[in-house]
Amino acid sequence: EIDRVIGLSTGADDYLVKPFSPRELVAR
């Protein structure tokens, strides 16, 4: 969770955790 929060606070709009499916990537 801390990595996601840091990423979002830096200015990211969303995050995706590896490994991920191609379908989830396209959806995001």
PDB file of all heavy atoms in Angstrom:
ATOM      1  N   GLU A   1       0.816  -1.200   0.000  1.00  0.00           N
ATOM      2  CA  GLU A   1       0.000   0.000   0.000  1.00  0.00           C
ATOM      3  C   GLU A   1       0.857   1.261   0.000  1.00  0.00           C
ATOM      4  O   GLU A   1       0.541   2.222  -0.682  1.00  0.00           O
ATOM      5  CB  GLU A   1      -0.937   0.014   1.214  1.00  0.00           C
ATOM      6  CG  GLU A   1      -1.863   1.227   1.233  1.00  0.00           C
ATOM      7  CD  GLU A   1      -2.797   1.216   2.435  1.00  0.00           C
ATOM      8  OE1 GLU A   1      -2.572   0.398   3.343  1.00  0.00           O
ATOM      9  OE2 GLU A   1      -3.738   2.022   2.443  1.00  0.00           O
ATOM     10  N   ILE A   2       1.965   1.255   0.734  1.00  0.00           N
ATOM     11  CA  ILE A   2       2.774   2.467   0.842  1.00  0.00           C
ATOM     12  C   ILE A   2       3.313   2.875  -0.515  1.00  0.00           C
ATOM     13  O   ILE A   2       3.395   4.059  -0.850  1.00  0.00           O
ATOM     14  CB  ILE A   2       3.929   2.279   1.852  1.00  0.00           C
ATOM     15  CG1 ILE A   2       4.683   3.596   2.069  1.00  0.00           C
ATOM     16  CG2 ILE A   2       4.879   1.191   1.377  1.00  0.00           C
ATOM     17  CD1 ILE A   2       3.837   4.697   2.647  1.00  0.00           C
ATOM     18  N   ASP A   3       3.665   1.911  -1.377  1.00  0.00           N
ATOM     19  CA  ASP A   3       4.169   2.237  -2.709  1.00  0.00           C
ATOM     20  C   ASP A   3       3.077   2.868  -3.558  1.00  0.00           C
ATOM     21  O   ASP A   3       3.323   3.801  -4.317  1.00  0.00           O
ATOM     22  CB  ASP A   3       4.695   0.972  -3.406  1.00  0.00           C
ATOM     23  CG  ASP A   3       5.907   0.395  -2.692  1.00  0.00           C
ATOM     24  OD1 ASP A   3       6.891   1.129  -2.527  1.00  0.00           O
ATOM     25  OD2 ASP A   3       5.863  -0.773  -2.291  1.00  0.00           O
ATOM     26  N   ARG A   4       1.866   2.369  -3.433  1.00  0.00           N
ATOM     27  CA  ARG A   4       0.761   2.927  -4.204  1.00  0.00           C
ATOM     28  C   ARG A   4       0.466   4.357  -3.754  1.00  0.00           C
ATOM     29  O   ARG A   4       0.265   5.251  -4.565  1.00  0.00           O
ATOM     30  CB  ARG A   4      -0.479   2.049  -4.047  1.00  0.00           C
ATOM     31  CG  ARG A   4      -0.281   0.624  -4.526  1.00  0.00           C
ATOM     32  CD  ARG A   4      -1.611  -0.076  -4.735  1.00  0.00           C
ATOM     33  NE  ARG A   4      -2.373  -0.214  -3.518  1.00  0.00           N
ATOM     34  CZ  ARG A   4      -2.316  -1.268  -2.718  1.00  0.00           C
ATOM     35  NH1 ARG A   4      -1.497  -2.270  -3.003  1.00  0.00           N
ATOM     36  NH2 ARG A   4      -3.055  -1.348  -1.636  1.00  0.00           N
ATOM     37  N   VAL A   5       0.466   4.554  -2.456  1.00  0.00           N
ATOM     38  CA  VAL A   5       0.164   5.888  -1.932  1.00  0.00           C
ATOM     39  C   VAL A   5       1.234   6.887  -2.346  1.00  0.00           C
ATOM     40  O   VAL A   5       0.933   8.012  -2.763  1.00  0.00           O
ATOM     41  CB  VAL A   5       0.023   5.846  -0.397  1.00  0.00           C
ATOM     42  CG1 VAL A   5      -0.077   7.254   0.168  1.00  0.00           C
ATOM     43  CG2 VAL A   5      -1.200   5.030  -0.001  1.00  0.00           C
ATOM     44  N   ILE A   6       2.508   6.485  -2.261  1.00  0.00           N
ATOM     45  CA  ILE A   6       3.595   7.379  -2.661  1.00  0.00           C
ATOM     46  C   ILE A   6       3.475   7.724  -4.131  1.00  0.00           C
ATOM     47  O   ILE A   6       3.621   8.874  -4.539  1.00  0.00           O
ATOM     48  CB  ILE A   6       4.959   6.739  -2.361  1.00  0.00           C
ATOM     49  CG1 ILE A   6       5.191   6.672  -0.844  1.00  0.00           C
ATOM     50  CG2 ILE A   6       6.081   7.528  -3.021  1.00  0.00           C
ATOM     51  CD1 ILE A   6       6.445   5.921  -0.460  1.00  0.00           C
ATOM     52  N   GLY A   7       3.191   6.721  -4.952  1.00  0.00           N
ATOM     53  CA  GLY A   7       3.051   6.967  -6.380  1.00  0.00           C
ATOM     54  C   GLY A   7       1.928   7.932  -6.692  1.00  0.00           C
ATOM     55  O   GLY A   7       2.083   8.862  -7.489  1.00  0.00           O
ATOM     56  N   LEU A   8       0.794   7.773  -6.052  1.00  0.00           N
ATOM     57  CA  LEU A   8      -0.346   8.650  -6.297  1.00  0.00           C
ATOM     58  C   LEU A   8      -0.076  10.055  -5.777  1.00  0.00           C
ATOM     59  O   LEU A   8      -0.470  11.041  -6.396  1.00  0.00           O
ATOM     60  CB  LEU A   8      -1.604   8.071  -5.648  1.00  0.00           C
ATOM     61  CG  LEU A   8      -2.107   6.755  -6.268  1.00  0.00           C
ATOM     62  CD1 LEU A   8      -3.236   6.177  -5.427  1.00  0.00           C
ATOM     63  CD2 LEU A   8      -2.564   6.949  -7.695  1.00  0.00           C
ATOM     64  N   SER A   9       0.608  10.157  -4.646  1.00  0.00           N
ATOM     65  CA  SER A   9       0.887  11.484  -4.095  1.00  0.00           C
ATOM     66  C   SER A   9       1.898  12.238  -4.953  1.00  0.00           C
ATOM     67  O   SER A   9       1.938  13.471  -4.931  1.00  0.00           O
ATOM     68  CB  SER A   9       1.409  11.366  -2.660  1.00  0.00           C
ATOM     69  OG  SER A   9       2.661  10.715  -2.626  1.00  0.00           O
ATOM     70  N   THR A  10       2.717  11.523  -5.703  1.00  0.00           N
ATOM     71  CA  THR A  10       3.683  12.164  -6.584  1.00  0.00           C
ATOM     72  C   THR A  10       3.020  12.717  -7.835  1.00  0.00           C
ATOM     73  O   THR A  10       3.570  13.576  -8.498  1.00  0.00           O
ATOM     74  CB  THR A  10       4.782  11.153  -6.977  1.00  0.00           C
ATOM     75  OG1 THR A  10       5.339  10.593  -5.789  1.00  0.00           O
ATOM     76  CG2 THR A  10       5.891  11.808  -7.770  1.00  0.00           C
ATOM     77  N   GLY A  11       1.844  12.215  -8.159  1.00  0.00           N
ATOM     78  CA  GLY A  11       1.135  12.736  -9.316  1.00  0.00           C
ATOM     79  C   GLY A  11       0.639  11.691 -10.281  1.00  0.00           C
ATOM     80  O   GLY A  11       0.079  12.028 -11.327  1.00  0.00           O
ATOM     81  N   ALA A  12       0.829  10.406  -9.979  1.00  0.00           N
ATOM     82  CA  ALA A  12       0.289   9.357 -10.839  1.00  0.00           C
ATOM     83  C   ALA A  12      -1.233   9.354 -10.751  1.00  0.00           C
ATOM     84  O   ALA A  12      -1.810   9.679  -9.712  1.00  0.00           O
ATOM     85  CB  ALA A  12       0.848   7.998 -10.433  1.00  0.00           C
ATOM     86  N   ASP A  13      -1.889   8.996 -11.854  1.00  0.00           N
ATOM     87  CA  ASP A  13      -3.346   8.957 -11.883  1.00  0.00           C
ATOM     88  C   ASP A  13      -3.893   7.600 -11.468  1.00  0.00           C
ATOM     89  O   ASP A  13      -5.025   7.493 -11.002  1.00  0.00           O
ATOM     90  CB  ASP A  13      -3.849   9.297 -13.294  1.00  0.00           C
ATOM     91  CG  ASP A  13      -3.486  10.711 -13.684  1.00  0.00           C
ATOM     92  OD1 ASP A  13      -4.122  11.641 -13.175  1.00  0.00           O
ATOM     93  OD2 ASP A  13      -2.563  10.887 -14.492  1.00  0.00           O
ATOM     94  N   ASP A  14      -3.114   6.553 -11.672  1.00  0.00           N
ATOM     95  CA  ASP A  14      -3.554   5.213 -11.323  1.00  0.00           C
ATOM     96  C   ASP A  14      -2.307   4.348 -11.215  1.00  0.00           C
ATOM     97  O   ASP A  14      -1.206   4.763 -11.599  1.00  0.00           O
ATOM     98  CB  ASP A  14      -4.513   4.669 -12.393  1.00  0.00           C
ATOM     99  CG  ASP A  14      -5.360   3.498 -11.893  1.00  0.00           C
ATOM    100  OD1 ASP A  14      -5.187   3.100 -10.715  1.00  0.00           O
ATOM    101  OD2 ASP A  14      -6.167   2.982 -12.666  1.00  0.00           O
ATOM    102  N   TYR A  15      -2.453   3.132 -10.686  1.00  0.00           N
ATOM    103  CA  TYR A  15      -1.335   2.216 -10.569  1.00  0.00           C
ATOM    104  C   TYR A  15      -1.793   0.824 -10.971  1.00  0.00           C
ATOM    105  O   TYR A  15      -2.982   0.498 -10.943  1.00  0.00           O
ATOM    106  CB  TYR A  15      -0.787   2.196  -9.139  1.00  0.00           C
ATOM    107  CG  TYR A  15      -1.794   1.687  -8.131  1.00  0.00           C
ATOM    108  CD1 TYR A  15      -1.905   0.325  -7.853  1.00  0.00           C
ATOM    109  CD2 TYR A  15      -2.662   2.562  -7.493  1.00  0.00           C
ATOM    110  CE1 TYR A  15      -2.846  -0.142  -6.952  1.00  0.00           C
ATOM    111  CE2 TYR A  15      -3.605   2.102  -6.589  1.00  0.00           C
ATOM    112  CZ  TYR A  15      -3.693   0.763  -6.327  1.00  0.00           C
ATOM    113  OH  TYR A  15      -4.633   0.306  -5.450  1.00  0.00           O
ATOM    114  N   LEU A  16      -0.837  -0.001 -11.371  1.00  0.00           N
ATOM    115  CA  LEU A  16      -1.115  -1.372 -11.774  1.00  0.00           C
ATOM    116  C   LEU A  16       0.005  -2.242 -11.216  1.00  0.00           C
ATOM    117  O   LEU A  16       1.189  -1.955 -11.423  1.00  0.00           O
ATOM    118  CB  LEU A  16      -1.177  -1.474 -13.301  1.00  0.00           C
ATOM    119  CG  LEU A  16      -1.628  -2.796 -13.915  1.00  0.00           C
ATOM    120  CD1 LEU A  16      -3.022  -3.175 -13.415  1.00  0.00           C
ATOM    121  CD2 LEU A  16      -1.621  -2.683 -15.431  1.00  0.00           C
ATOM    122  N   VAL A  17      -0.361  -3.281 -10.482  1.00  0.00           N
ATOM    123  CA  VAL A  17       0.617  -4.129  -9.814  1.00  0.00           C
ATOM    124  C   VAL A  17       0.987  -5.304 -10.705  1.00  0.00           C
ATOM    125  O   VAL A  17       0.129  -5.991 -11.243  1.00  0.00           O
ATOM    126  CB  VAL A  17       0.065  -4.633  -8.462  1.00  0.00           C
ATOM    127  CG1 VAL A  17       1.084  -5.544  -7.776  1.00  0.00           C
ATOM    128  CG2 VAL A  17      -0.285  -3.462  -7.551  1.00  0.00           C
ATOM    129  N   LYS A  18       2.279  -5.524 -10.881  1.00  0.00           N
ATOM    130  CA  LYS A  18       2.771  -6.684 -11.621  1.00  0.00           C
ATOM    131  C   LYS A  18       2.664  -7.936 -10.754  1.00  0.00           C
ATOM    132  O   LYS A  18       2.895  -7.861  -9.543  1.00  0.00           O
ATOM    133  CB  LYS A  18       4.240  -6.494 -12.021  1.00  0.00           C
ATOM    134  CG  LYS A  18       4.531  -5.291 -12.886  1.00  0.00           C
ATOM    135  CD  LYS A  18       6.034  -5.192 -13.113  1.00  0.00           C
ATOM    136  CE  LYS A  18       6.426  -3.963 -13.882  1.00  0.00           C
ATOM    137  NZ  LYS A  18       7.886  -3.845 -14.050  1.00  0.00           N
ATOM    138  N   PRO A  19       2.380  -9.091 -11.359  1.00  0.00           N
ATOM    139  CA  PRO A  19       2.023  -9.304 -12.770  1.00  0.00           C
ATOM    140  C   PRO A  19       0.573  -8.900 -13.025  1.00  0.00           C
ATOM    141  O   PRO A  19      -0.271  -8.997 -12.133  1.00  0.00           O
ATOM    142  CB  PRO A  19       2.223 -10.805 -12.952  1.00  0.00           C
ATOM    143  CG  PRO A  19       1.957 -11.380 -11.600  1.00  0.00           C
ATOM    144  CD  PRO A  19       2.437 -10.360 -10.610  1.00  0.00           C
ATOM    145  N   PHE A  20       0.287  -8.449 -14.241  1.00  0.00           N
ATOM    146  CA  PHE A  20      -1.061  -8.033 -14.602  1.00  0.00           C
ATOM    147  C   PHE A  20      -1.438  -8.682 -15.925  1.00  0.00           C
ATOM    148  O   PHE A  20      -0.569  -9.100 -16.704  1.00  0.00           O
ATOM    149  CB  PHE A  20      -1.135  -6.504 -14.731  1.00  0.00           C
ATOM    150  CG  PHE A  20      -0.070  -5.927 -15.623  1.00  0.00           C
ATOM    151  CD1 PHE A  20      -0.224  -5.904 -16.994  1.00  0.00           C
ATOM    152  CD2 PHE A  20       1.095  -5.412 -15.079  1.00  0.00           C
ATOM    153  CE1 PHE A  20       0.762  -5.381 -17.815  1.00  0.00           C
ATOM    154  CE2 PHE A  20       2.086  -4.886 -15.887  1.00  0.00           C
ATOM    155  CZ  PHE A  20       1.922  -4.878 -17.268  1.00  0.00           C
ATOM    156  N   SER A  21      -2.722  -8.769 -16.164  1.00  0.00           N
ATOM    157  CA  SER A  21      -3.195  -9.359 -17.414  1.00  0.00           C
ATOM    158  C   SER A  21      -3.293  -8.286 -18.489  1.00  0.00           C
ATOM    159  O   SER A  21      -3.531  -7.109 -18.178  1.00  0.00           O
ATOM    160  CB  SER A  21      -4.568 -10.007 -17.213  1.00  0.00           C
ATOM    161  OG  SER A  21      -5.558  -9.003 -17.003  1.00  0.00           O
ATOM    162  N   PRO A  22      -3.107  -8.644 -19.756  1.00  0.00           N
ATOM    163  CA  PRO A  22      -3.290  -7.669 -20.838  1.00  0.00           C
ATOM    164  C   PRO A  22      -4.661  -7.018 -20.810  1.00  0.00           C
ATOM    165  O   PRO A  22      -4.789  -5.820 -21.092  1.00  0.00           O
ATOM    166  CB  PRO A  22      -3.089  -8.511 -22.105  1.00  0.00           C
ATOM    167  CG  PRO A  22      -2.189  -9.628 -21.677  1.00  0.00           C
ATOM    168  CD  PRO A  22      -2.613  -9.942 -20.271  1.00  0.00           C
ATOM    169  N   ARG A  23      -5.685  -7.760 -20.447  1.00  0.00           N
ATOM    170  CA  ARG A  23      -7.037  -7.192 -20.400  1.00  0.00           C
ATOM    171  C   ARG A  23      -7.129  -6.091 -19.351  1.00  0.00           C
ATOM    172  O   ARG A  23      -7.728  -5.039 -19.595  1.00  0.00           O
ATOM    173  CB  ARG A  23      -8.065  -8.288 -20.093  1.00  0.00           C
ATOM    174  CG  ARG A  23      -9.478  -7.752 -19.922  1.00  0.00           C
ATOM    175  CD  ARG A  23     -10.456  -8.871 -19.619  1.00  0.00           C
ATOM    176  NE  ARG A  23     -10.648  -9.748 -20.759  1.00  0.00           N
ATOM    177  CZ  ARG A  23     -11.510 -10.753 -20.787  1.00  0.00           C
ATOM    178  NH1 ARG A  23     -12.239 -11.024 -19.718  1.00  0.00           N
ATOM    179  NH2 ARG A  23     -11.629 -11.503 -21.860  1.00  0.00           N
ATOM    180  N   GLU A  24      -6.522  -6.318 -18.190  1.00  0.00           N
ATOM    181  CA  GLU A  24      -6.560  -5.294 -17.142  1.00  0.00           C
ATOM    182  C   GLU A  24      -5.777  -4.059 -17.566  1.00  0.00           C
ATOM    183  O   GLU A  24      -6.194  -2.920 -17.318  1.00  0.00           O
ATOM    184  CB  GLU A  24      -6.001  -5.831 -15.829  1.00  0.00           C
ATOM    185  CG  GLU A  24      -6.111  -4.832 -14.678  1.00  0.00           C
ATOM    186  CD  GLU A  24      -5.594  -5.376 -13.365  1.00  0.00           C
ATOM    187  OE1 GLU A  24      -4.936  -6.432 -13.366  1.00  0.00           O
ATOM    188  OE2 GLU A  24      -5.840  -4.719 -12.339  1.00  0.00           O
ATOM    189  N   LEU A  25      -4.640  -4.261 -18.220  1.00  0.00           N
ATOM    190  CA  LEU A  25      -3.847  -3.131 -18.703  1.00  0.00           C
ATOM    191  C   LEU A  25      -4.670  -2.272 -19.654  1.00  0.00           C
ATOM    192  O   LEU A  25      -4.722  -1.042 -19.509  1.00  0.00           O
ATOM    193  CB  LEU A  25      -2.596  -3.645 -19.410  1.00  0.00           C
ATOM    194  CG  LEU A  25      -1.792  -2.596 -20.185  1.00  0.00           C
ATOM    195  CD1 LEU A  25      -1.173  -1.572 -19.243  1.00  0.00           C
ATOM    196  CD2 LEU A  25      -0.714  -3.281 -21.033  1.00  0.00           C
ATOM    197  N   VAL A  26      -5.308  -2.895 -20.633  1.00  0.00           N
ATOM    198  CA  VAL A  26      -6.107  -2.150 -21.609  1.00  0.00           C
ATOM    199  C   VAL A  26      -7.257  -1.427 -20.917  1.00  0.00           C
ATOM    200  O   VAL A  26      -7.558  -0.266 -21.230  1.00  0.00           O
ATOM    201  CB  VAL A  26      -6.634  -3.092 -22.704  1.00  0.00           C
ATOM    202  CG1 VAL A  26      -7.641  -2.363 -23.608  1.00  0.00           C
ATOM    203  CG2 VAL A  26      -5.483  -3.631 -23.545  1.00  0.00           C
ATOM    204  N   ALA A  27      -7.892  -2.090 -19.953  1.00  0.00           N
ATOM    205  CA  ALA A  27      -9.010  -1.467 -19.235  1.00  0.00           C
ATOM    206  C   ALA A  27      -8.554  -0.220 -18.485  1.00  0.00           C
ATOM    207  O   ALA A  27      -9.240   0.812 -18.496  1.00  0.00           O
ATOM    208  CB  ALA A  27      -9.638  -2.468 -18.271  1.00  0.00           C
ATOM    209  N   ARG A  28      -7.394  -0.298 -17.831  1.00  0.00           N
ATOM    210  CA  ARG A  28      -6.891   0.856 -17.085  1.00  0.00           C
ATOM    211  C   ARG A  28      -6.555   2.016 -18.033  1.00  0.00           C
ATOM    212  O   ARG A  28      -6.858   3.177 -17.748  1.00  0.00           O
ATOM    213  CB  ARG A  28      -5.635   0.473 -16.296  1.00  0.00           C
ATOM    214  CG  ARG A  28      -5.844  -0.571 -15.212  1.00  0.00           C
ATOM    215  CD  ARG A  28      -6.668  -0.061 -14.051  1.00  0.00           C
ATOM    216  NE  ARG A  28      -6.757  -1.049 -13.004  1.00  0.00           N
ATOM    217  CZ  ARG A  28      -5.947  -1.121 -11.952  1.00  0.00           C
ATOM    218  NH1 ARG A  28      -4.971  -0.253 -11.813  1.00  0.00           N
ATOM    219  NH2 ARG A  28      -6.112  -2.054 -11.037  1.00  0.00           N
TER     220      ARG A  28
END
